[in-house]
Amino acid sequence: MLTIILNILLPPLAVFMKHGLGVTFLISLLLTALGWIPGIIHAFIVNGTR
């Protein structure tokens, strides 16, 4: 449940908590900076939550 909330509110933090500091986190950070919705979509995909 916490992951779902973080995926919506703070996508990079949700990715960081699951995958750590790496390429996946940087991609999430970039997508969120370009647009909040792409960041959310990426977070849901990489965290495997529906």
PDB file of N, CA and C in Angstrom:
ATOM      1  N   MET A   1       0.819  -1.195   0.000  1.00  0.00           N
ATOM      2  CA  MET A   1       0.000   0.000   0.000  1.00  0.00           C
ATOM      3  C   MET A   1       0.862   1.258   0.000  1.00  0.00           C
ATOM      4  N   LEU A   2       1.930   1.252   0.798  1.00  0.00           N
ATOM      5  CA  LEU A   2       2.821   2.411   0.849  1.00  0.00           C
ATOM      6  C   LEU A   2       3.482   2.640  -0.502  1.00  0.00           C
ATOM      7  N   THR A   3       3.863   1.564  -1.181  1.00  0.00           N
ATOM      8  CA  THR A   3       4.500   1.690  -2.485  1.00  0.00           C
ATOM      9  C   THR A   3       3.558   2.340  -3.492  1.00  0.00           C
ATOM     10  N   ILE A   4       2.305   1.983  -3.454  1.00  0.00           N
ATOM     11  CA  ILE A   4       1.325   2.563  -4.381  1.00  0.00           C
ATOM     12  C   ILE A   4       1.186   4.054  -4.133  1.00  0.00           C
ATOM     13  N   ILE A   5       1.099   4.449  -2.884  1.00  0.00           N
ATOM     14  CA  ILE A   5       0.980   5.868  -2.546  1.00  0.00           C
ATOM     15  C   ILE A   5       2.225   6.632  -2.988  1.00  0.00           C
ATOM     16  N   LEU A   6       3.403   6.060  -2.723  1.00  0.00           N
ATOM     17  CA  LEU A   6       4.641   6.722  -3.138  1.00  0.00           C
ATOM     18  C   LEU A   6       4.791   6.745  -4.655  1.00  0.00           C
ATOM     19  N   ASN A   7       4.316   5.708  -5.344  1.00  0.00           N
ATOM     20  CA  ASN A   7       4.349   5.712  -6.809  1.00  0.00           C
ATOM     21  C   ASN A   7       3.585   6.907  -7.363  1.00  0.00           C
ATOM     22  N   ILE A   8       2.525   7.280  -6.702  1.00  0.00           N
ATOM     23  CA  ILE A   8       1.695   8.389  -7.178  1.00  0.00           C
ATOM     24  C   ILE A   8       2.250   9.737  -6.726  1.00  0.00           C
ATOM     25  N   LEU A   9       2.613   9.853  -5.461  1.00  0.00           N
ATOM     26  CA  LEU A   9       3.042  11.145  -4.923  1.00  0.00           C
ATOM     27  C   LEU A   9       4.503  11.475  -5.217  1.00  0.00           C
ATOM     28  N   LEU A  10       5.401  10.522  -5.030  1.00  0.00           N
ATOM     29  CA  LEU A  10       6.836  10.735  -5.215  1.00  0.00           C
ATOM     30  C   LEU A  10       7.448   9.545  -5.951  1.00  0.00           C
ATOM     31  N   PRO A  11       7.246   9.476  -7.266  1.00  0.00           N
ATOM     32  CA  PRO A  11       7.722   8.312  -8.016  1.00  0.00           C
ATOM     33  C   PRO A  11       9.213   7.991  -7.833  1.00  0.00           C
ATOM     34  N   PRO A  12      10.123   8.977  -7.862  1.00  0.00           N
ATOM     35  CA  PRO A  12      11.535   8.610  -7.689  1.00  0.00           C
ATOM     36  C   PRO A  12      11.834   7.984  -6.318  1.00  0.00           C
ATOM     37  N   LEU A  13      11.165   8.444  -5.279  1.00  0.00           N
ATOM     38  CA  LEU A  13      11.377   7.873  -3.952  1.00  0.00           C
ATOM     39  C   LEU A  13      10.912   6.424  -3.906  1.00  0.00           C
ATOM     40  N   ALA A  14       9.793   6.124  -4.534  1.00  0.00           N
ATOM     41  CA  ALA A  14       9.293   4.749  -4.567  1.00  0.00           C
ATOM     42  C   ALA A  14      10.274   3.832  -5.297  1.00  0.00           C
ATOM     43  N   VAL A  15      10.823   4.317  -6.410  1.00  0.00           N
ATOM     44  CA  VAL A  15      11.800   3.522  -7.166  1.00  0.00           C
ATOM     45  C   VAL A  15      13.074   3.357  -6.352  1.00  0.00           C
ATOM     46  N   PHE A  16      13.514   4.416  -5.694  1.00  0.00           N
ATOM     47  CA  PHE A  16      14.721   4.349  -4.867  1.00  0.00           C
ATOM     48  C   PHE A  16      14.575   3.332  -3.739  1.00  0.00           C
ATOM     49  N   MET A  17      13.418   3.307  -3.093  1.00  0.00           N
ATOM     50  CA  MET A  17      13.206   2.385  -1.972  1.00  0.00           C
ATOM     51  C   MET A  17      13.254   0.931  -2.418  1.00  0.00           C
ATOM     52  N   LYS A  18      12.842   0.660  -3.642  1.00  0.00           N
ATOM     53  CA  LYS A  18      12.818  -0.728  -4.117  1.00  0.00           C
ATOM     54  C   LYS A  18      14.109  -1.131  -4.833  1.00  0.00           C
ATOM     55  N   HIS A  19      14.719  -0.202  -5.595  1.00  0.00           N
ATOM     56  CA  HIS A  19      15.857  -0.558  -6.449  1.00  0.00           C
ATOM     57  C   HIS A  19      17.166   0.102  -6.044  1.00  0.00           C
ATOM     58  N   GLY A  20      17.126   1.038  -5.131  1.00  0.00           N
ATOM     59  CA  GLY A  20      18.351   1.713  -4.713  1.00  0.00           C
ATOM     60  C   GLY A  20      18.777   2.789  -5.699  1.00  0.00           C
ATOM     61  N   LEU A  21      19.955   3.312  -5.469  1.00  0.00           N
ATOM     62  CA  LEU A  21      20.492   4.391  -6.288  1.00  0.00           C
ATOM     63  C   LEU A  21      21.198   3.774  -7.496  1.00  0.00           C
ATOM     64  N   GLY A  22      20.581   3.917  -8.648  1.00  0.00           N
ATOM     65  CA  GLY A  22      21.146   3.325  -9.859  1.00  0.00           C
ATOM     66  C   GLY A  22      20.493   3.925 -11.091  1.00  0.00           C
ATOM     67  N   VAL A  23      20.630   3.214 -12.186  1.00  0.00           N
ATOM     68  CA  VAL A  23      20.104   3.697 -13.466  1.00  0.00           C
ATOM     69  C   VAL A  23      18.584   3.820 -13.427  1.00  0.00           C
ATOM     70  N   THR A  24      17.919   2.864 -12.815  1.00  0.00           N
ATOM     71  CA  THR A  24      16.461   2.889 -12.738  1.00  0.00           C
ATOM     72  C   THR A  24      15.986   4.128 -11.991  1.00  0.00           C
ATOM     73  N   PHE A  25      16.672   4.471 -10.902  1.00  0.00           N
ATOM     74  CA  PHE A  25      16.323   5.668 -10.142  1.00  0.00           C
ATOM     75  C   PHE A  25      16.544   6.920 -10.979  1.00  0.00           C
ATOM     76  N   LEU A  26      17.657   6.985 -11.702  1.00  0.00           N
ATOM     77  CA  LEU A  26      17.944   8.163 -12.523  1.00  0.00           C
ATOM     78  C   LEU A  26      16.922   8.332 -13.646  1.00  0.00           C
ATOM     79  N   ILE A  27      16.508   7.221 -14.245  1.00  0.00           N
ATOM     80  CA  ILE A  27      15.473   7.280 -15.279  1.00  0.00           C
ATOM     81  C   ILE A  27      14.170   7.802 -14.677  1.00  0.00           C
ATOM     82  N   SER A  28      13.821   7.311 -13.506  1.00  0.00           N
ATOM     83  CA  SER A  28      12.610   7.765 -12.838  1.00  0.00           C
ATOM     84  C   SER A  28      12.682   9.254 -12.518  1.00  0.00           C
ATOM     85  N   LEU A  29      13.832   9.698 -12.043  1.00  0.00           N
ATOM     86  CA  LEU A  29      14.026  11.116 -11.731  1.00  0.00           C
ATOM     87  C   LEU A  29      13.885  11.977 -12.987  1.00  0.00           C
ATOM     88  N   LEU A  30      14.475  11.541 -14.079  1.00  0.00           N
ATOM     89  CA  LEU A  30      14.397  12.278 -15.331  1.00  0.00           C
ATOM     90  C   LEU A  30      12.962  12.332 -15.857  1.00  0.00           C
ATOM     91  N   LEU A  31      12.281  11.198 -15.854  1.00  0.00           N
ATOM     92  CA  LEU A  31      10.900  11.173 -16.342  1.00  0.00           C
ATOM     93  C   LEU A  31       9.984  12.030 -15.478  1.00  0.00           C
ATOM     94  N   THR A  32      10.197  12.028 -14.171  1.00  0.00           N
ATOM     95  CA  THR A  32       9.378  12.844 -13.291  1.00  0.00           C
ATOM     96  C   THR A  32       9.661  14.330 -13.515  1.00  0.00           C
ATOM     97  N   ALA A  33      10.917  14.674 -13.802  1.00  0.00           N
ATOM     98  CA  ALA A  33      11.260  16.070 -14.081  1.00  0.00           C
ATOM     99  C   ALA A  33      10.639  16.537 -15.396  1.00  0.00           C
ATOM    100  N   LEU A  34      10.559  15.635 -16.375  1.00  0.00           N
ATOM    101  CA  LEU A  34       9.963  15.990 -17.660  1.00  0.00           C
ATOM    102  C   LEU A  34       8.445  16.083 -17.580  1.00  0.00           C
ATOM    103  N   GLY A  35       7.865  15.308 -16.709  1.00  0.00           N
ATOM    104  CA  GLY A  35       6.408  15.304 -16.553  1.00  0.00           C
ATOM    105  C   GLY A  35       6.025  14.328 -15.468  1.00  0.00           C
ATOM    106  N   TRP A  36       5.136  14.729 -14.614  1.00  0.00           N
ATOM    107  CA  TRP A  36       4.784  13.919 -13.458  1.00  0.00           C
ATOM    108  C   TRP A  36       4.167  12.580 -13.865  1.00  0.00           C
ATOM    109  N   ILE A  37       3.315  12.590 -14.871  1.00  0.00           N
ATOM    110  CA  ILE A  37       2.628  11.371 -15.312  1.00  0.00           C
ATOM    111  C   ILE A  37       3.610  10.317 -15.849  1.00  0.00           C
ATOM    112  N   PRO A  38       4.583  10.671 -16.696  1.00  0.00           N
ATOM    113  CA  PRO A  38       5.553   9.649 -17.122  1.00  0.00           C
ATOM    114  C   PRO A  38       6.325   9.048 -15.947  1.00  0.00           C
ATOM    115  N   GLY A  39       6.618   9.858 -14.938  1.00  0.00           N
ATOM    116  CA  GLY A  39       7.290   9.346 -13.748  1.00  0.00           C
ATOM    117  C   GLY A  39       6.447   8.332 -13.003  1.00  0.00           C
ATOM    118  N   ILE A  40       5.160   8.614 -12.903  1.00  0.00           N
ATOM    119  CA  ILE A  40       4.233   7.692 -12.225  1.00  0.00           C
ATOM    120  C   ILE A  40       4.139   6.374 -13.005  1.00  0.00           C
ATOM    121  N   ILE A  41       3.998   6.468 -14.307  1.00  0.00           N
ATOM    122  CA  ILE A  41       3.893   5.267 -15.134  1.00  0.00           C
ATOM    123  C   ILE A  41       5.151   4.414 -14.991  1.00  0.00           C
ATOM    124  N   HIS A  42       6.306   5.051 -15.058  1.00  0.00           N
ATOM    125  CA  HIS A  42       7.571   4.324 -14.919  1.00  0.00           C
ATOM    126  C   HIS A  42       7.668   3.663 -13.549  1.00  0.00           C
ATOM    127  N   ALA A  43       7.285   4.368 -12.498  1.00  0.00           N
ATOM    128  CA  ALA A  43       7.357   3.811 -11.141  1.00  0.00           C
ATOM    129  C   ALA A  43       6.462   2.582 -11.015  1.00  0.00           C
ATOM    130  N   PHE A  44       5.260   2.643 -11.558  1.00  0.00           N
ATOM    131  CA  PHE A  44       4.373   1.481 -11.484  1.00  0.00           C
ATOM    132  C   PHE A  44       4.943   0.304 -12.274  1.00  0.00           C
ATOM    133  N   ILE A  45       5.553   0.571 -13.415  1.00  0.00           N
ATOM    134  CA  ILE A  45       6.108  -0.510 -14.236  1.00  0.00           C
ATOM    135  C   ILE A  45       7.283  -1.181 -13.533  1.00  0.00           C
ATOM    136  N   VAL A  46       8.256  -0.395 -13.057  1.00  0.00           N
ATOM    137  CA  VAL A  46       9.446  -0.999 -12.473  1.00  0.00           C
ATOM    138  C   VAL A  46       9.205  -1.593 -11.086  1.00  0.00           C
ATOM    139  N   ASN A  47       8.210  -1.069 -10.358  1.00  0.00           N
ATOM    140  CA  ASN A  47       7.919  -1.614  -9.038  1.00  0.00           C
ATOM    141  C   ASN A  47       6.947  -2.783  -9.103  1.00  0.00           C
ATOM    142  N   GLY A  48       6.365  -3.026 -10.249  1.00  0.00           N
ATOM    143  CA  GLY A  48       5.515  -4.189 -10.439  1.00  0.00           C
ATOM    144  C   GLY A  48       4.197  -4.142  -9.695  1.00  0.00           C
ATOM    145  N   THR A  49       3.719  -2.958  -9.376  1.00  0.00           N
ATOM    146  CA  THR A  49       2.429  -2.850  -8.699  1.00  0.00           C
ATOM    147  C   THR A  49       1.385  -2.408  -9.708  1.00  0.00           C
ATOM    148  N   ARG A  50       0.151  -2.814  -9.472  1.00  0.00           N
ATOM    149  CA  ARG A  50      -0.927  -2.460 -10.386  1.00  0.00           C
ATOM    150  C   ARG A  50      -1.892  -1.533  -9.722  1.00  0.00           C
TER     151      ARG A  50
END
